[in-house]
Amino acid sequence: MYDIQFVATSSAGWSQAISITDANTDRPMDLTGLRVDLEVAGHFSDRELIASTATGTIEMPRPDVIQWRFTPDQMRQLRRDTTYRVGCILTTPSGPTQLFIGTLALIDGDVR
């Protein structure tokens, strides 16, 4: 599992692509056919934003890369000047495993 501090974003939207590496082999991990779920949550709240390969809101441009996009409308649901927790789970035939956790700061500066 990795701990990531994402670059701060605004309510203009958030798009991110991450290459996943196998921690045991240090080689790109083939995620083809596996489920990936990502959640953004406040410190005292439940999930605020959700993305998943099951719903098509997480895409895989390459077998080892996951990419998600949250629209400006989705990002406006979050409170500005707040840091959110981000978690990502990979589900394999042997069960779920945490890919990474992290933090995302939502800064002021809405672009409309």
N, C-alpha and C. Protein backbone atom coordinates (compact mmCIF):
# COMPACT_ATOMS: atom_id res chain seq x y z
N MET A 1 0.84 -1.17 0.00
CA MET A 1 0.00 0.00 0.00
C MET A 1 0.89 1.24 0.00
N TYR A 2 0.42 2.25 -0.70
CA TYR A 2 1.15 3.50 -0.80
C TYR A 2 0.36 4.61 -0.11
N ASP A 3 1.07 5.62 0.37
CA ASP A 3 0.46 6.81 0.97
C ASP A 3 0.79 7.97 0.04
N ILE A 4 -0.26 8.61 -0.50
CA ILE A 4 -0.07 9.65 -1.51
C ILE A 4 -0.66 10.97 -1.02
N GLN A 5 0.09 12.04 -1.19
CA GLN A 5 -0.46 13.37 -0.98
C GLN A 5 -0.66 13.97 -2.37
N PHE A 6 -1.93 14.07 -2.78
CA PHE A 6 -2.25 14.58 -4.10
C PHE A 6 -2.03 16.08 -4.16
N VAL A 7 -1.74 16.58 -5.35
CA VAL A 7 -1.60 18.02 -5.56
C VAL A 7 -2.95 18.67 -5.30
N ALA A 8 -2.95 19.79 -4.60
CA ALA A 8 -4.19 20.50 -4.27
C ALA A 8 -4.96 20.82 -5.55
N THR A 9 -6.27 20.78 -5.44
CA THR A 9 -7.12 21.08 -6.58
C THR A 9 -8.20 22.06 -6.16
N SER A 10 -8.97 22.53 -7.14
CA SER A 10 -10.07 23.44 -6.85
C SER A 10 -11.37 22.78 -7.28
N SER A 11 -12.46 23.49 -7.11
CA SER A 11 -13.74 22.93 -7.51
C SER A 11 -13.94 22.98 -9.02
N ALA A 12 -12.90 23.32 -9.76
CA ALA A 12 -12.97 23.31 -11.22
C ALA A 12 -12.94 21.89 -11.78
N GLY A 13 -12.66 20.90 -10.95
CA GLY A 13 -12.60 19.51 -11.39
C GLY A 13 -11.31 18.87 -10.94
N TRP A 14 -11.29 17.54 -10.94
CA TRP A 14 -10.09 16.81 -10.55
C TRP A 14 -9.95 15.60 -11.44
N SER A 15 -8.83 15.51 -12.12
CA SER A 15 -8.51 14.38 -12.98
C SER A 15 -7.13 13.88 -12.58
N GLN A 16 -7.00 12.57 -12.48
CA GLN A 16 -5.72 12.00 -12.04
C GLN A 16 -5.51 10.66 -12.72
N ALA A 17 -4.29 10.38 -13.10
CA ALA A 17 -3.91 9.06 -13.62
C ALA A 17 -2.73 8.58 -12.80
N ILE A 18 -2.77 7.30 -12.40
CA ILE A 18 -1.72 6.73 -11.56
C ILE A 18 -1.30 5.39 -12.13
N SER A 19 -0.01 5.18 -12.23
CA SER A 19 0.54 3.89 -12.62
C SER A 19 0.70 3.04 -11.36
N ILE A 20 0.19 1.83 -11.41
CA ILE A 20 0.23 0.94 -10.26
C ILE A 20 1.39 -0.05 -10.43
N THR A 21 2.23 -0.11 -9.40
CA THR A 21 3.41 -0.97 -9.41
C THR A 21 3.25 -2.06 -8.35
N ASP A 22 3.61 -3.26 -8.67
CA ASP A 22 3.57 -4.37 -7.72
C ASP A 22 4.67 -4.15 -6.69
N ALA A 23 4.30 -4.05 -5.43
CA ALA A 23 5.28 -3.76 -4.36
C ALA A 23 6.29 -4.89 -4.19
N ASN A 24 5.93 -6.12 -4.55
CA ASN A 24 6.85 -7.25 -4.39
C ASN A 24 7.87 -7.34 -5.51
N THR A 25 7.48 -6.98 -6.73
CA THR A 25 8.38 -7.14 -7.88
C THR A 25 8.89 -5.82 -8.43
N ASP A 26 8.29 -4.70 -7.99
CA ASP A 26 8.61 -3.37 -8.49
C ASP A 26 8.39 -3.25 -10.00
N ARG A 27 7.45 -4.04 -10.52
CA ARG A 27 7.11 -4.01 -11.95
C ARG A 27 5.67 -3.52 -12.10
N PRO A 28 5.33 -2.98 -13.26
CA PRO A 28 3.94 -2.55 -13.48
C PRO A 28 2.97 -3.71 -13.24
N MET A 29 1.87 -3.40 -12.60
CA MET A 29 0.87 -4.41 -12.23
C MET A 29 -0.23 -4.44 -13.29
N ASP A 30 -0.54 -5.61 -13.82
CA ASP A 30 -1.62 -5.75 -14.81
C ASP A 30 -2.95 -5.84 -14.08
N LEU A 31 -3.79 -4.82 -14.25
CA LEU A 31 -5.07 -4.73 -13.57
C LEU A 31 -6.24 -5.16 -14.47
N THR A 32 -5.94 -5.70 -15.63
CA THR A 32 -6.97 -6.08 -16.58
C THR A 32 -8.01 -7.00 -15.93
N GLY A 33 -9.28 -6.61 -16.05
CA GLY A 33 -10.38 -7.41 -15.53
C GLY A 33 -10.61 -7.32 -14.04
N LEU A 34 -9.81 -6.53 -13.32
CA LEU A 34 -9.97 -6.40 -11.88
C LEU A 34 -10.78 -5.14 -11.55
N ARG A 35 -11.42 -5.15 -10.41
CA ARG A 35 -12.23 -4.01 -9.98
C ARG A 35 -11.39 -3.07 -9.12
N VAL A 36 -11.51 -1.77 -9.41
CA VAL A 36 -10.84 -0.74 -8.64
C VAL A 36 -11.90 0.26 -8.17
N ASP A 37 -11.90 0.56 -6.87
CA ASP A 37 -12.85 1.50 -6.28
C ASP A 37 -12.07 2.59 -5.56
N LEU A 38 -12.47 3.85 -5.78
CA LEU A 38 -11.83 4.99 -5.15
C LEU A 38 -12.90 5.80 -4.42
N GLU A 39 -12.56 6.25 -3.21
CA GLU A 39 -13.49 7.05 -2.41
C GLU A 39 -12.78 8.29 -1.89
N VAL A 40 -13.52 9.39 -1.86
CA VAL A 40 -13.06 10.64 -1.26
C VAL A 40 -13.99 10.93 -0.10
N ALA A 41 -13.42 11.13 1.08
CA ALA A 41 -14.25 11.34 2.28
C ALA A 41 -13.67 12.45 3.13
N GLY A 42 -14.55 13.16 3.83
CA GLY A 42 -14.12 14.17 4.79
C GLY A 42 -13.67 13.48 6.07
N HIS A 43 -13.05 14.22 6.96
CA HIS A 43 -12.55 13.62 8.20
C HIS A 43 -13.66 13.16 9.13
N PHE A 44 -14.80 13.81 9.07
CA PHE A 44 -15.90 13.43 9.95
C PHE A 44 -17.15 13.07 9.15
N SER A 45 -16.96 12.65 7.91
CA SER A 45 -18.12 12.34 7.07
C SER A 45 -17.90 11.05 6.31
N ASP A 46 -18.99 10.57 5.77
CA ASP A 46 -18.93 9.39 4.93
C ASP A 46 -18.37 9.77 3.57
N ARG A 47 -18.46 8.85 2.66
CA ARG A 47 -17.97 9.08 1.31
C ARG A 47 -18.64 10.30 0.68
N GLU A 48 -17.84 11.14 0.11
CA GLU A 48 -18.34 12.34 -0.58
C GLU A 48 -18.37 12.09 -2.09
N LEU A 49 -17.32 11.45 -2.61
CA LEU A 49 -17.21 11.15 -4.03
C LEU A 49 -16.76 9.70 -4.18
N ILE A 50 -17.29 9.03 -5.21
CA ILE A 50 -16.96 7.63 -5.46
C ILE A 50 -16.69 7.45 -6.95
N ALA A 51 -15.68 6.66 -7.27
CA ALA A 51 -15.39 6.27 -8.65
C ALA A 51 -15.05 4.79 -8.65
N SER A 52 -15.38 4.11 -9.74
CA SER A 52 -15.15 2.66 -9.80
C SER A 52 -15.04 2.19 -11.25
N THR A 53 -14.24 1.16 -11.45
CA THR A 53 -14.22 0.53 -12.77
C THR A 53 -15.56 -0.15 -13.06
N ALA A 54 -16.28 -0.53 -12.02
CA ALA A 54 -17.58 -1.19 -12.19
C ALA A 54 -18.61 -0.26 -12.83
N THR A 55 -18.48 1.04 -12.60
CA THR A 55 -19.42 2.01 -13.16
C THR A 55 -18.83 2.79 -14.34
N GLY A 56 -17.56 2.52 -14.65
CA GLY A 56 -16.91 3.23 -15.75
C GLY A 56 -16.36 4.59 -15.37
N THR A 57 -16.42 4.95 -14.09
CA THR A 57 -15.90 6.24 -13.65
C THR A 57 -14.40 6.18 -13.33
N ILE A 58 -13.84 4.98 -13.34
CA ILE A 58 -12.39 4.79 -13.37
C ILE A 58 -12.10 4.05 -14.66
N GLU A 59 -11.19 4.60 -15.43
CA GLU A 59 -10.79 3.98 -16.69
C GLU A 59 -9.36 3.45 -16.57
N MET A 60 -9.01 2.55 -17.48
CA MET A 60 -7.65 2.01 -17.53
C MET A 60 -7.09 2.24 -18.93
N PRO A 61 -6.39 3.37 -19.13
CA PRO A 61 -5.82 3.64 -20.45
C PRO A 61 -4.70 2.66 -20.83
N ARG A 62 -4.09 2.05 -19.82
CA ARG A 62 -3.10 0.98 -19.99
C ARG A 62 -3.38 -0.05 -18.90
N PRO A 63 -2.91 -1.28 -19.04
CA PRO A 63 -3.20 -2.30 -18.03
C PRO A 63 -2.71 -1.98 -16.62
N ASP A 64 -1.70 -1.09 -16.50
CA ASP A 64 -1.15 -0.75 -15.19
C ASP A 64 -1.53 0.65 -14.72
N VAL A 65 -2.41 1.33 -15.44
CA VAL A 65 -2.76 2.72 -15.12
C VAL A 65 -4.26 2.84 -14.85
N ILE A 66 -4.59 3.51 -13.74
CA ILE A 66 -5.98 3.86 -13.47
C ILE A 66 -6.12 5.37 -13.59
N GLN A 67 -7.28 5.80 -14.09
CA GLN A 67 -7.51 7.22 -14.29
C GLN A 67 -8.95 7.54 -13.92
N TRP A 68 -9.13 8.63 -13.17
CA TRP A 68 -10.48 9.06 -12.81
C TRP A 68 -10.61 10.56 -13.05
N ARG A 69 -11.88 10.97 -13.19
CA ARG A 69 -12.21 12.39 -13.36
C ARG A 69 -13.45 12.70 -12.54
N PHE A 70 -13.36 13.77 -11.77
CA PHE A 70 -14.53 14.30 -11.10
C PHE A 70 -14.82 15.66 -11.73
N THR A 71 -16.05 15.89 -12.12
CA THR A 71 -16.45 17.10 -12.82
C THR A 71 -16.50 18.30 -11.86
N PRO A 72 -16.55 19.50 -12.42
CA PRO A 72 -16.73 20.68 -11.55
C PRO A 72 -18.00 20.56 -10.70
N ASP A 73 -19.09 20.06 -11.26
CA ASP A 73 -20.31 19.90 -10.46
C ASP A 73 -20.10 18.96 -9.28
N GLN A 74 -19.37 17.87 -9.49
CA GLN A 74 -19.08 16.94 -8.40
C GLN A 74 -18.17 17.59 -7.36
N MET A 75 -17.16 18.32 -7.81
CA MET A 75 -16.21 18.94 -6.88
C MET A 75 -16.87 20.05 -6.07
N ARG A 76 -17.88 20.70 -6.62
CA ARG A 76 -18.56 21.77 -5.88
C ARG A 76 -19.35 21.24 -4.70
N GLN A 77 -19.55 19.92 -4.63
CA GLN A 77 -20.22 19.32 -3.48
C GLN A 77 -19.32 19.33 -2.25
N LEU A 78 -18.02 19.47 -2.46
CA LEU A 78 -17.05 19.46 -1.37
C LEU A 78 -16.87 20.87 -0.80
N ARG A 79 -16.41 20.93 0.44
CA ARG A 79 -16.14 22.22 1.09
C ARG A 79 -14.74 22.70 0.71
N ARG A 80 -14.67 23.96 0.33
CA ARG A 80 -13.36 24.56 0.00
C ARG A 80 -12.52 24.68 1.26
N ASP A 81 -11.23 24.78 1.04
CA ASP A 81 -10.25 24.94 2.12
C ASP A 81 -10.35 23.80 3.12
N THR A 82 -10.57 22.61 2.61
CA THR A 82 -10.70 21.40 3.42
C THR A 82 -9.81 20.32 2.82
N THR A 83 -9.22 19.49 3.67
CA THR A 83 -8.44 18.36 3.20
C THR A 83 -9.27 17.10 3.35
N TYR A 84 -9.31 16.31 2.29
CA TYR A 84 -10.10 15.09 2.25
C TYR A 84 -9.21 13.86 2.24
N ARG A 85 -9.75 12.76 2.74
CA ARG A 85 -9.06 11.47 2.70
C ARG A 85 -9.45 10.77 1.40
N VAL A 86 -8.49 10.13 0.77
CA VAL A 86 -8.71 9.39 -0.47
C VAL A 86 -8.24 7.96 -0.24
N GLY A 87 -9.06 7.00 -0.63
CA GLY A 87 -8.69 5.60 -0.50
C GLY A 87 -9.02 4.86 -1.78
N CYS A 88 -8.20 3.88 -2.12
CA CYS A 88 -8.41 3.11 -3.33
C CYS A 88 -8.21 1.63 -3.03
N ILE A 89 -9.20 0.82 -3.42
CA ILE A 89 -9.18 -0.62 -3.16
C ILE A 89 -9.19 -1.38 -4.48
N LEU A 90 -8.37 -2.39 -4.57
CA LEU A 90 -8.32 -3.31 -5.71
C LEU A 90 -8.95 -4.62 -5.27
N THR A 91 -9.91 -5.11 -6.04
CA THR A 91 -10.53 -6.39 -5.72
C THR A 91 -10.07 -7.43 -6.73
N THR A 92 -9.41 -8.47 -6.23
CA THR A 92 -8.91 -9.58 -7.05
C THR A 92 -9.72 -10.82 -6.70
N PRO A 93 -9.54 -11.92 -7.43
CA PRO A 93 -10.25 -13.15 -7.06
C PRO A 93 -9.98 -13.61 -5.63
N SER A 94 -8.84 -13.24 -5.06
CA SER A 94 -8.54 -13.64 -3.68
C SER A 94 -9.07 -12.65 -2.65
N GLY A 95 -9.70 -11.55 -3.10
CA GLY A 95 -10.30 -10.60 -2.17
C GLY A 95 -9.78 -9.19 -2.36
N PRO A 96 -10.31 -8.25 -1.56
CA PRO A 96 -9.90 -6.85 -1.69
C PRO A 96 -8.57 -6.56 -1.01
N THR A 97 -7.86 -5.59 -1.57
CA THR A 97 -6.61 -5.12 -0.97
C THR A 97 -6.52 -3.62 -1.18
N GLN A 98 -5.96 -2.91 -0.21
CA GLN A 98 -5.81 -1.46 -0.30
C GLN A 98 -4.66 -1.14 -1.24
N LEU A 99 -4.94 -0.39 -2.32
CA LEU A 99 -3.87 0.03 -3.22
C LEU A 99 -3.13 1.24 -2.66
N PHE A 100 -3.92 2.24 -2.23
CA PHE A 100 -3.31 3.42 -1.64
C PHE A 100 -4.32 4.18 -0.80
N ILE A 101 -3.77 5.00 0.07
CA ILE A 101 -4.54 6.00 0.81
C ILE A 101 -3.85 7.33 0.54
N GLY A 102 -4.53 8.40 0.82
CA GLY A 102 -3.90 9.69 0.60
C GLY A 102 -4.75 10.83 1.07
N THR A 103 -4.29 12.03 0.77
CA THR A 103 -5.02 13.24 1.11
C THR A 103 -5.10 14.14 -0.11
N LEU A 104 -6.21 14.87 -0.17
CA LEU A 104 -6.44 15.82 -1.24
C LEU A 104 -6.95 17.12 -0.62
N ALA A 105 -6.24 18.21 -0.84
CA ALA A 105 -6.68 19.52 -0.35
C ALA A 105 -7.49 20.20 -1.43
N LEU A 106 -8.67 20.67 -1.05
CA LEU A 106 -9.51 21.43 -1.96
C LEU A 106 -9.33 22.90 -1.61
N ILE A 107 -8.72 23.63 -2.52
CA ILE A 107 -8.39 25.04 -2.24
C ILE A 107 -9.47 25.95 -2.80
N ASP A 108 -9.48 27.16 -2.30
CA ASP A 108 -10.41 28.17 -2.80
C ASP A 108 -9.98 28.58 -4.19
N GLY A 109 -10.90 29.00 -4.99
CA GLY A 109 -10.56 29.46 -6.33
C GLY A 109 -11.43 28.80 -7.36
N ASP A 110 -12.72 28.79 -7.14
CA ASP A 110 -13.67 28.20 -8.07
C ASP A 110 -13.60 28.90 -9.41
N VAL A 111 -13.51 28.12 -10.47
CA VAL A 111 -13.49 28.64 -11.82
C VAL A 111 -14.82 28.28 -12.47
N ARG A 112 -15.64 29.27 -12.78
CA ARG A 112 -16.96 28.99 -13.39
C ARG A 112 -17.07 29.65 -14.73
